[in-house]
Amino acid sequence: MISFELTGEPQAGYRLAFGIDVKARKALEAELFGKRVLFTDRDNWSIAEVVAAYRSQSGSRRTSDR
């Protein structure tokens, strides 16, 4: 995720350049980040009903999470 390049010669001095590999970061975010864990006391609801209720809440950020 972090890219780097070391340049230079011992007499002139080394130079280190570094940065974030944006493509690798986005791939990692898509795989690991942005997950939700929902807790509920609605034992009699199906999973689909719980998810639908969560998504219907006003102010849900589901479209801006990624």
N, C-alpha and C. Protein backbone atom coordinates (compact mmCIF):
# COMPACT_ATOMS: atom_id res chain seq x y z
N MET A 1 0.82 -1.18 0.00
CA MET A 1 0.00 0.00 0.00
C MET A 1 0.87 1.26 0.00
N ILE A 2 2.05 1.17 0.57
CA ILE A 2 2.98 2.30 0.55
C ILE A 2 4.04 2.00 -0.49
N SER A 3 4.25 2.92 -1.40
CA SER A 3 5.28 2.75 -2.41
C SER A 3 6.47 3.64 -2.05
N PHE A 4 7.65 3.20 -2.44
CA PHE A 4 8.83 4.00 -2.14
C PHE A 4 9.87 3.80 -3.23
N GLU A 5 10.78 4.77 -3.30
CA GLU A 5 11.89 4.71 -4.25
C GLU A 5 13.12 5.31 -3.58
N LEU A 6 14.20 4.56 -3.59
CA LEU A 6 15.46 5.02 -3.04
C LEU A 6 16.40 5.31 -4.20
N THR A 7 16.90 6.53 -4.28
CA THR A 7 17.79 6.93 -5.36
C THR A 7 19.05 7.56 -4.78
N GLY A 8 20.02 7.77 -5.64
CA GLY A 8 21.24 8.45 -5.22
C GLY A 8 22.40 7.50 -5.04
N GLU A 9 23.53 8.08 -4.82
CA GLU A 9 24.77 7.35 -4.62
C GLU A 9 25.29 7.68 -3.22
N PRO A 10 26.11 6.80 -2.65
CA PRO A 10 26.61 7.07 -1.30
C PRO A 10 27.32 8.42 -1.16
N GLN A 11 28.12 8.82 -2.16
CA GLN A 11 28.84 10.08 -2.05
C GLN A 11 27.89 11.29 -2.15
N ALA A 12 26.89 11.20 -3.02
CA ALA A 12 25.96 12.32 -3.22
C ALA A 12 24.84 12.32 -2.19
N GLY A 13 24.63 11.21 -1.56
CA GLY A 13 23.54 11.10 -0.59
C GLY A 13 22.33 10.40 -1.18
N TYR A 14 21.71 9.64 -0.37
CA TYR A 14 20.50 8.93 -0.79
C TYR A 14 19.28 9.83 -0.68
N ARG A 15 18.30 9.56 -1.53
CA ARG A 15 17.02 10.25 -1.49
C ARG A 15 15.92 9.20 -1.41
N LEU A 16 15.01 9.40 -0.50
CA LEU A 16 13.89 8.47 -0.35
C LEU A 16 12.60 9.21 -0.69
N ALA A 17 11.88 8.69 -1.66
CA ALA A 17 10.57 9.23 -2.00
C ALA A 17 9.53 8.15 -1.67
N PHE A 18 8.41 8.56 -1.09
CA PHE A 18 7.40 7.59 -0.72
C PHE A 18 6.01 8.18 -0.92
N GLY A 19 5.04 7.31 -1.00
CA GLY A 19 3.66 7.76 -1.18
C GLY A 19 2.71 6.58 -1.01
N ILE A 20 1.44 6.87 -1.12
CA ILE A 20 0.39 5.87 -0.99
C ILE A 20 0.03 5.36 -2.38
N ASP A 21 -0.01 4.04 -2.52
CA ASP A 21 -0.46 3.42 -3.76
C ASP A 21 -1.99 3.46 -3.73
N VAL A 22 -2.57 4.43 -4.40
CA VAL A 22 -4.02 4.68 -4.35
C VAL A 22 -4.82 3.47 -4.83
N LYS A 23 -4.36 2.83 -5.89
CA LYS A 23 -5.08 1.67 -6.42
C LYS A 23 -5.10 0.53 -5.39
N ALA A 24 -3.99 0.27 -4.75
CA ALA A 24 -3.93 -0.78 -3.73
C ALA A 24 -4.78 -0.42 -2.53
N ARG A 25 -4.79 0.86 -2.15
CA ARG A 25 -5.60 1.31 -1.01
C ARG A 25 -7.08 1.12 -1.29
N LYS A 26 -7.52 1.49 -2.49
CA LYS A 26 -8.93 1.34 -2.84
C LYS A 26 -9.34 -0.14 -2.87
N ALA A 27 -8.45 -1.00 -3.36
CA ALA A 27 -8.75 -2.43 -3.36
C ALA A 27 -8.89 -2.96 -1.94
N LEU A 28 -8.02 -2.51 -1.05
CA LEU A 28 -8.08 -2.92 0.34
C LEU A 28 -9.35 -2.40 1.01
N GLU A 29 -9.70 -1.15 0.74
CA GLU A 29 -10.93 -0.57 1.30
C GLU A 29 -12.15 -1.35 0.84
N ALA A 30 -12.19 -1.70 -0.43
CA ALA A 30 -13.34 -2.43 -0.97
C ALA A 30 -13.47 -3.81 -0.33
N GLU A 31 -12.34 -4.41 0.02
CA GLU A 31 -12.37 -5.76 0.59
C GLU A 31 -12.62 -5.76 2.09
N LEU A 32 -12.02 -4.81 2.82
CA LEU A 32 -12.06 -4.87 4.28
C LEU A 32 -12.90 -3.81 4.96
N PHE A 33 -12.93 -2.62 4.42
CA PHE A 33 -13.58 -1.52 5.11
C PHE A 33 -15.02 -1.35 4.64
N GLY A 34 -15.80 -0.60 5.40
CA GLY A 34 -17.15 -0.29 5.00
C GLY A 34 -18.18 -1.33 5.37
N LYS A 35 -17.81 -2.27 6.20
CA LYS A 35 -18.76 -3.30 6.63
C LYS A 35 -19.59 -2.78 7.79
N ARG A 36 -20.79 -3.32 7.94
CA ARG A 36 -21.67 -2.93 9.03
C ARG A 36 -22.05 -4.15 9.86
N VAL A 37 -22.15 -3.95 11.13
CA VAL A 37 -22.69 -4.97 12.03
C VAL A 37 -23.94 -4.37 12.63
N LEU A 38 -25.06 -5.05 12.45
CA LEU A 38 -26.33 -4.58 12.97
C LEU A 38 -26.74 -5.40 14.19
N PHE A 39 -27.11 -4.71 15.25
CA PHE A 39 -27.62 -5.36 16.45
C PHE A 39 -29.09 -5.01 16.57
N THR A 40 -29.88 -5.99 16.93
CA THR A 40 -31.31 -5.74 17.09
C THR A 40 -31.88 -6.65 18.15
N ASP A 41 -32.99 -6.20 18.73
CA ASP A 41 -33.73 -7.05 19.66
C ASP A 41 -35.00 -7.59 19.00
N ARG A 42 -35.08 -7.44 17.68
CA ARG A 42 -36.24 -7.92 16.91
C ARG A 42 -36.03 -9.39 16.55
N ASP A 43 -36.11 -10.25 17.55
CA ASP A 43 -35.86 -11.68 17.34
C ASP A 43 -36.82 -12.33 16.36
N ASN A 44 -38.00 -11.77 16.23
CA ASN A 44 -39.00 -12.37 15.35
C ASN A 44 -38.91 -11.85 13.91
N TRP A 45 -37.99 -10.93 13.62
CA TRP A 45 -37.80 -10.41 12.26
C TRP A 45 -36.80 -11.29 11.51
N SER A 46 -37.01 -11.39 10.22
CA SER A 46 -36.02 -12.08 9.38
C SER A 46 -34.83 -11.15 9.14
N ILE A 47 -33.75 -11.71 8.66
CA ILE A 47 -32.57 -10.89 8.33
C ILE A 47 -32.95 -9.84 7.30
N ALA A 48 -33.71 -10.24 6.29
CA ALA A 48 -34.12 -9.29 5.24
C ALA A 48 -34.93 -8.14 5.82
N GLU A 49 -35.79 -8.40 6.80
CA GLU A 49 -36.58 -7.34 7.42
C GLU A 49 -35.70 -6.38 8.22
N VAL A 50 -34.71 -6.92 8.92
CA VAL A 50 -33.80 -6.06 9.70
C VAL A 50 -33.00 -5.16 8.76
N VAL A 51 -32.47 -5.74 7.69
CA VAL A 51 -31.69 -4.96 6.72
C VAL A 51 -32.57 -3.91 6.05
N ALA A 52 -33.79 -4.27 5.66
CA ALA A 52 -34.70 -3.31 5.03
C ALA A 52 -35.02 -2.16 5.98
N ALA A 53 -35.24 -2.46 7.24
CA ALA A 53 -35.52 -1.41 8.22
C ALA A 53 -34.32 -0.48 8.38
N TYR A 54 -33.12 -1.04 8.43
CA TYR A 54 -31.90 -0.23 8.53
C TYR A 54 -31.76 0.69 7.33
N ARG A 55 -31.96 0.13 6.15
CA ARG A 55 -31.79 0.92 4.93
C ARG A 55 -32.85 2.00 4.76
N SER A 56 -34.01 1.81 5.36
CA SER A 56 -35.08 2.79 5.20
C SER A 56 -34.98 3.95 6.18
N GLN A 57 -34.08 3.86 7.14
CA GLN A 57 -33.93 4.94 8.12
C GLN A 57 -33.46 6.22 7.43
N SER A 58 -34.05 7.32 7.80
CA SER A 58 -33.57 8.59 7.25
C SER A 58 -32.21 8.87 7.84
N GLY A 59 -31.33 9.45 7.01
CA GLY A 59 -29.99 9.76 7.47
C GLY A 59 -29.03 8.59 7.30
N SER A 60 -29.48 7.49 6.73
CA SER A 60 -28.57 6.37 6.49
C SER A 60 -27.52 6.79 5.50
N ARG A 61 -26.25 6.42 5.75
CA ARG A 61 -25.14 6.84 4.92
C ARG A 61 -24.73 5.77 3.93
N ARG A 62 -25.59 4.81 3.64
CA ARG A 62 -25.17 3.66 2.85
C ARG A 62 -24.66 4.03 1.47
N THR A 63 -25.09 5.14 0.87
CA THR A 63 -24.61 5.51 -0.47
C THR A 63 -23.27 6.23 -0.40
N SER A 64 -22.92 6.78 0.75
CA SER A 64 -21.66 7.53 0.83
C SER A 64 -20.57 6.75 1.55
N ASP A 65 -20.84 5.50 1.95
CA ASP A 65 -19.85 4.74 2.69
C ASP A 65 -18.65 4.36 1.85
N ARG A 66 -18.79 4.19 0.56
CA ARG A 66 -17.67 3.76 -0.26
C ARG A 66 -17.21 4.86 -1.10
